Protein backbone atom coordinates (compact mmCIF):
# COMPACT_ATOMS: atom_id res chain seq x y z
CA MET A 1 -14.71 -65.25 -75.01
CA THR A 2 -12.18 -63.27 -77.45
CA PRO A 3 -13.45 -62.22 -80.70
CA LYS A 4 -11.26 -64.67 -82.54
CA ALA A 5 -12.78 -67.49 -80.50
CA LYS A 6 -16.33 -66.26 -81.36
CA ALA A 7 -15.46 -66.02 -85.07
CA LYS A 8 -14.06 -69.59 -84.80
CA LEU A 9 -17.15 -70.96 -82.97
CA ALA A 10 -19.49 -69.17 -85.35
CA ARG A 11 -17.53 -70.78 -88.40
CA ALA A 12 -17.73 -74.30 -86.79
CA THR A 13 -21.50 -73.85 -86.04
CA ARG A 14 -22.22 -72.89 -89.47
CA ILE A 15 -20.18 -75.79 -90.90
CA ARG A 16 -22.09 -78.21 -88.36
CA ASP A 17 -25.46 -76.81 -89.67
CA ILE A 18 -24.66 -77.32 -93.29
CA VAL A 19 -23.19 -80.89 -92.60
CA LEU A 20 -26.35 -81.85 -90.73
CA ARG A 21 -28.45 -80.99 -93.56
CA PHE A 22 -26.08 -82.84 -95.93
CA MET A 23 -26.05 -86.11 -93.65
CA ARG A 24 -29.76 -86.10 -93.64
CA LYS A 25 -29.95 -87.00 -97.33
CA HIS A 26 -26.49 -88.66 -97.95
CA ALA A 27 -25.46 -90.53 -94.88
CA ARG A 28 -26.12 -94.02 -93.90
CA TRP A 29 -26.39 -95.90 -90.55
CA ASP A 30 -23.09 -97.86 -89.63
CA ARG A 31 -21.89 -99.60 -86.40
CA LEU A 32 -18.64 -98.01 -85.01
CA THR A 33 -15.95 -100.54 -84.28
CA ASN A 34 -16.24 -100.52 -80.60
CA GLY A 35 -19.43 -98.40 -80.16
CA PRO A 36 -22.98 -97.47 -81.07
CA GLU A 37 -24.55 -96.92 -84.46
CA ALA A 38 -23.70 -93.74 -86.09
CA LEU A 39 -24.60 -91.87 -89.24
CA LYS A 40 -21.75 -92.10 -91.43
CA TYR A 41 -20.68 -90.50 -94.95
CA GLN A 42 -17.53 -91.51 -96.70
CA ASP A 43 -16.02 -90.46 -100.09
CA ARG A 44 -12.52 -90.08 -101.49
CA ALA A 45 -11.91 -86.81 -99.56
CA PHE A 46 -13.92 -86.97 -96.46
CA LEU A 47 -15.15 -89.22 -93.69
CA ILE A 48 -18.13 -87.72 -91.71
CA ILE A 49 -19.47 -89.38 -88.66
CA LEU A 50 -22.54 -88.12 -86.60
CA SER A 51 -23.08 -90.03 -83.37
CA ILE A 52 -25.22 -89.77 -80.39
CA GLN A 53 -23.20 -90.57 -77.34
CA ASP A 54 -24.47 -92.92 -74.64
CA GLU A 55 -25.41 -91.27 -71.27
CA VAL A 56 -23.01 -91.70 -68.50
CA SER A 57 -24.26 -93.98 -65.80
CA PRO A 58 -25.46 -92.40 -62.48
CA ALA A 59 -22.72 -94.48 -60.53
CA LEU A 60 -20.03 -93.06 -62.68
CA ARG A 61 -21.48 -89.51 -62.64
CA LYS A 62 -21.58 -89.59 -58.69
CA ARG A 63 -18.08 -91.27 -58.54
CA PHE A 64 -16.29 -88.73 -60.72
CA ASP A 65 -18.72 -85.75 -59.76
CA LEU A 66 -19.88 -85.40 -63.48
CA PRO A 67 -22.98 -83.24 -64.22
CA LEU A 68 -25.82 -84.90 -66.45
CA LEU A 69 -24.65 -85.08 -70.13
CA SER A 70 -21.13 -83.53 -69.50
CA GLN A 71 -19.50 -85.19 -72.42
CA GLY A 72 -21.88 -83.98 -74.86
CA LEU A 73 -24.80 -85.78 -76.24
CA TYR A 74 -24.23 -85.45 -80.09
CA MET A 75 -20.77 -85.49 -81.77
CA LEU A 76 -19.78 -84.65 -85.29
CA GLU A 77 -16.36 -85.44 -86.57
CA ILE A 78 -15.03 -84.76 -90.09
CA TRP A 79 -11.84 -86.39 -91.27
CA GLU A 80 -10.11 -85.18 -94.44
CA THR A 81 -7.96 -87.76 -96.37
CA GLY A 82 -4.35 -86.90 -95.87
CA ASN A 83 -4.95 -84.41 -93.01
CA GLY A 84 -6.67 -86.34 -90.36
CA LYS A 85 -9.39 -85.00 -88.07
CA VAL A 86 -10.21 -81.47 -89.00
CA LEU A 87 -13.35 -80.80 -87.05
CA ASN A 88 -14.83 -82.54 -83.79
CA LEU A 89 -17.78 -80.88 -82.14
CA ILE A 90 -19.93 -81.92 -79.14
CA TRP A 91 -23.30 -80.54 -78.18
CA ASN A 92 -26.13 -81.55 -75.73
CA SER A 93 -29.35 -80.48 -77.78
CA ILE A 94 -30.61 -79.88 -81.09
CA GLY A 95 -29.65 -76.21 -82.02
CA ALA A 96 -27.52 -75.74 -79.03
CA THR A 97 -24.04 -74.15 -79.29
CA PRO A 98 -21.41 -76.66 -79.71
CA GLU A 99 -18.15 -77.14 -77.97
CA ILE A 100 -14.97 -77.19 -80.09
CA ILE A 101 -12.88 -80.17 -79.51
CA THR A 102 -10.77 -80.07 -82.82
CA PHE A 103 -10.93 -77.35 -85.35
CA ARG A 104 -8.00 -77.20 -87.80
CA ARG A 105 -8.63 -74.36 -90.29
CA GLY A 106 -7.90 -75.20 -93.91
CA THR A 107 -9.14 -75.12 -97.50
CA TRP A 108 -11.41 -78.12 -96.67
CA GLU A 109 -13.93 -75.59 -95.13
CA GLU A 110 -14.75 -74.27 -98.53
CA VAL A 111 -16.30 -77.44 -99.46
CA PHE A 112 -19.04 -76.69 -96.80
CA ILE A 113 -18.84 -73.01 -96.86
CA PRO A 114 -17.69 -71.76 -100.34
CA GLY A 115 -15.57 -68.48 -100.38
CA ARG A 116 -17.33 -65.38 -101.27
CA PRO A 117 -17.36 -64.46 -104.91
CA ARG A 118 -15.81 -61.25 -105.81
CA SER A 119 -18.51 -58.78 -106.06
CA TRP A 120 -18.97 -56.76 -109.16
CA SER A 121 -20.55 -53.41 -109.78
CA PRO A 122 -20.42 -51.10 -112.75
CA TRP A 123 -18.39 -48.64 -110.56
CA GLN A 124 -15.73 -51.29 -110.07
CA LEU A 125 -15.78 -51.87 -113.75
CA GLY A 126 -15.20 -48.10 -114.50
CA TYR A 127 -12.32 -47.97 -111.81
CA GLU A 128 -10.60 -51.16 -113.49
CA PHE A 129 -11.03 -49.70 -116.88
CA ALA A 130 -9.52 -46.41 -115.90
CA ALA A 131 -6.67 -48.07 -114.18
CA LEU A 132 -5.84 -50.27 -117.36
CA THR A 133 -6.22 -47.12 -119.46
CA ARG A 134 -3.67 -45.12 -117.25
CA ARG A 135 -1.35 -48.24 -117.38
CA ARG A 136 -1.55 -48.49 -121.29
CA ARG A 137 -0.89 -44.72 -121.58
CA ARG A 138 2.24 -44.95 -119.37
CA GLU A 139 3.48 -47.84 -121.28
CA ALA A 140 2.89 -45.98 -124.66
CA LYS A 141 4.93 -42.93 -123.23
CA ILE A 142 7.80 -45.24 -122.10
CA ARG A 143 7.82 -46.85 -125.76
CA ASP A 144 7.90 -43.29 -127.49
C-alpha cells in the first residue's frame, strides 16, 4: 500500500470512529427501502447510514466461490447534500480496518475532524512582531 493510500485509509478510519460514537447518541433505527433496518441520522447537510449486512447464503457462496463475509458485515455511508455519497466503508468486525468503497475528499471532512488550529507560541509572536516592525520601517522610509 502506498503512503498516500495509507493516509487516506487512516483518515477514513478516523472519520468512521468519530461517526460511530456520534451515531450511538443521535441515530435512530429505520427500515431501508428494500433492505434491513439500519441506524440512520439525517439533517440538512448529511445523511448517515450504518447498516449490518445479511450474510451471503452458503449456496451462493459455493456457487460464486465467495469466502465468508466477503461483502463486509458492517457498512457506513455518508451522503452530503449537493455532493452525493462522500464516504462508503465496509468492514467485518468491530475495530477492524475498513475497506474504502467511496471516499471523496472535501471540506465535509472538517465537520467530523476539525482542521488543526494555528499553533501559537511567544516565539511566533516575537517573529510576527519583528516582521511587522520591519515592514513599517520600510514603508516609513519610502514615504520620506
